[in-house]
Amino acid sequence: MGNYKYITNRTLRNKNNEEKGRLKAFVRNGSDTAEGEYECPECGHKDRINQVWKRPFSVRCSKCGFLMKIPKLKNEIKKKG
């Protein structure tokens, strides 16, 4: 990961559990700010993010207010397994 302490590129689900959105985010070493972009799975709105990074990580759509929660990958894998 080199210059980054966190990188994610995830497919997001809407309220009907359909995979319709996307989130790409990264946090540079020495920073506590997540940068990236998303496509809201609920309304399709696309926007950029620049917000404090903390776990659990989540992003709220700037158009419809839908909360996109990003679980740890190991927890997401356990649910599918």
C-alpha atoms as a PDB file:
ATOM      1  CA  MET A   1       0.000   0.000   0.000  1.00  0.00           C
ATOM      2  CA  GLY A   2       3.073   2.218   0.154  1.00  0.00           C
ATOM      3  CA  ASN A   3       1.918   5.801   0.751  1.00  0.00           C
ATOM      4  CA  TYR A   4      -1.536   4.847   2.056  1.00  0.00           C
ATOM      5  CA  LYS A   5      -2.788   3.413   5.338  1.00  0.00           C
ATOM      6  CA  TYR A   6      -6.242   2.613   3.954  1.00  0.00           C
ATOM      7  CA  ILE A   7      -7.570   1.962   0.450  1.00  0.00           C
ATOM      8  CA  THR A   8     -10.968   0.592  -0.522  1.00  0.00           C
ATOM      9  CA  ASN A   9     -12.934   0.100  -3.724  1.00  0.00           C
ATOM     10  CA  ARG A  10     -16.342  -1.340  -2.850  1.00  0.00           C
ATOM     11  CA  THR A  11     -19.664  -2.122  -4.430  1.00  0.00           C
ATOM     12  CA  LEU A  12     -22.517  -0.716  -2.344  1.00  0.00           C
ATOM     13  CA  ARG A  13     -26.039  -2.028  -1.755  1.00  0.00           C
ATOM     14  CA  ASN A  14     -29.233   0.005  -1.572  1.00  0.00           C
ATOM     15  CA  LYS A  15     -32.210  -0.483   0.789  1.00  0.00           C
ATOM     16  CA  ASN A  16     -33.475  -3.333  -1.442  1.00  0.00           C
ATOM     17  CA  ASN A  17     -30.094  -5.108  -1.124  1.00  0.00           C
ATOM     18  CA  GLU A  18     -29.298  -4.479  -4.820  1.00  0.00           C
ATOM     19  CA  GLU A  19     -25.684  -3.750  -5.804  1.00  0.00           C
ATOM     20  CA  LYS A  20     -26.097  -0.365  -7.455  1.00  0.00           C
ATOM     21  CA  GLY A  21     -23.424   1.938  -6.012  1.00  0.00           C
ATOM     22  CA  ARG A  22     -19.691   2.254  -5.669  1.00  0.00           C
ATOM     23  CA  LEU A  23     -17.215   3.822  -3.249  1.00  0.00           C
ATOM     24  CA  LYS A  24     -13.518   4.401  -3.822  1.00  0.00           C
ATOM     25  CA  ALA A  25     -11.581   5.926  -0.939  1.00  0.00           C
ATOM     26  CA  PHE A  26      -8.058   6.215   0.401  1.00  0.00           C
ATOM     27  CA  VAL A  27      -6.254   7.670   3.406  1.00  0.00           C
ATOM     28  CA  ARG A  28      -2.653   8.803   2.994  1.00  0.00           C
ATOM     29  CA  ASN A  29      -0.032   7.901   5.592  1.00  0.00           C
ATOM     30  CA  GLY A  30       0.179  10.675   8.190  1.00  0.00           C
ATOM     31  CA  SER A  31      -3.375  11.833   7.475  1.00  0.00           C
ATOM     32  CA  ASP A  32      -6.764  11.229   9.083  1.00  0.00           C
ATOM     33  CA  THR A  33      -8.723  12.375   6.032  1.00  0.00           C
ATOM     34  CA  ALA A  34     -10.431   9.989   3.634  1.00  0.00           C
ATOM     35  CA  GLU A  35     -10.476  11.157   0.033  1.00  0.00           C
ATOM     36  CA  GLY A  36     -12.274   9.614  -2.917  1.00  0.00           C
ATOM     37  CA  GLU A  37     -15.595   9.379  -4.683  1.00  0.00           C
ATOM     38  CA  TYR A  38     -18.875   7.502  -4.556  1.00  0.00           C
ATOM     39  CA  GLU A  39     -22.001   6.700  -6.494  1.00  0.00           C
ATOM     40  CA  CYS A  40     -24.999   6.455  -4.168  1.00  0.00           C
ATOM     41  CA  PRO A  41     -26.713   3.054  -4.475  1.00  0.00           C
ATOM     42  CA  GLU A  42     -30.041   4.601  -3.529  1.00  0.00           C
ATOM     43  CA  CYS A  43     -30.343   7.634  -5.851  1.00  0.00           C
ATOM     44  CA  GLY A  44     -27.382   7.262  -8.256  1.00  0.00           C
ATOM     45  CA  HIS A  45     -25.861  10.644  -7.290  1.00  0.00           C
ATOM     46  CA  LYS A  46     -22.084  10.850  -7.816  1.00  0.00           C
ATOM     47  CA  ASP A  47     -19.873  12.986  -5.591  1.00  0.00           C
ATOM     48  CA  ARG A  48     -16.426  13.300  -4.095  1.00  0.00           C
ATOM     49  CA  ILE A  49     -15.571  12.747  -0.445  1.00  0.00           C
ATOM     50  CA  ASN A  50     -13.066  14.492   1.784  1.00  0.00           C
ATOM     51  CA  GLN A  51     -13.886  13.698   5.388  1.00  0.00           C
ATOM     52  CA  VAL A  52     -12.407  12.494   8.657  1.00  0.00           C
ATOM     53  CA  TRP A  53     -11.593   8.789   8.489  1.00  0.00           C
ATOM     54  CA  LYS A  54     -12.610   6.625  11.411  1.00  0.00           C
ATOM     55  CA  ARG A  55     -13.888   3.100  11.856  1.00  0.00           C
ATOM     56  CA  PRO A  56     -16.509   2.080  11.147  1.00  0.00           C
ATOM     57  CA  PHE A  57     -16.242   4.185   7.999  1.00  0.00           C
ATOM     58  CA  SER A  58     -19.424   5.610   6.527  1.00  0.00           C
ATOM     59  CA  VAL A  59     -20.423   8.232   3.978  1.00  0.00           C
ATOM     60  CA  ARG A  60     -23.745  10.068   3.740  1.00  0.00           C
ATOM     61  CA  CYS A  61     -25.043  10.920   0.251  1.00  0.00           C
ATOM     62  CA  SER A  62     -25.027  14.678  -0.227  1.00  0.00           C
ATOM     63  CA  LYS A  63     -28.239  14.494  -2.282  1.00  0.00           C
ATOM     64  CA  CYS A  64     -30.616  11.994  -0.639  1.00  0.00           C
ATOM     65  CA  GLY A  65     -28.952  11.473   2.763  1.00  0.00           C
ATOM     66  CA  PHE A  66     -28.558   7.677   2.358  1.00  0.00           C
ATOM     67  CA  LEU A  67     -25.925   6.374   4.796  1.00  0.00           C
ATOM     68  CA  MET A  68     -23.384   4.085   3.135  1.00  0.00           C
ATOM     69  CA  LYS A  69     -21.659   1.968   5.786  1.00  0.00           C
ATOM     70  CA  ILE A  70     -18.355   0.340   4.853  1.00  0.00           C
ATOM     71  CA  PRO A  71     -17.707  -2.738   7.038  1.00  0.00           C
ATOM     72  CA  LYS A  72     -14.257  -4.201   7.568  1.00  0.00           C
ATOM     73  CA  LEU A  73     -13.481  -6.636   4.757  1.00  0.00           C
ATOM     74  CA  LYS A  74     -12.989  -9.573   7.124  1.00  0.00           C
ATOM     75  CA  ASN A  75     -16.503  -9.003   8.535  1.00  0.00           C
ATOM     76  CA  GLU A  76     -17.953  -8.747   5.026  1.00  0.00           C
ATOM     77  CA  ILE A  77     -16.258 -12.011   3.989  1.00  0.00           C
ATOM     78  CA  LYS A  78     -17.620 -13.809   7.089  1.00  0.00           C
ATOM     79  CA  LYS A  79     -21.204 -12.819   6.130  1.00  0.00           C
ATOM     80  CA  LYS A  80     -20.793 -14.245   2.616  1.00  0.00           C
ATOM     81  CA  GLY A  81     -19.110 -17.443   3.797  1.00  0.00           C
END
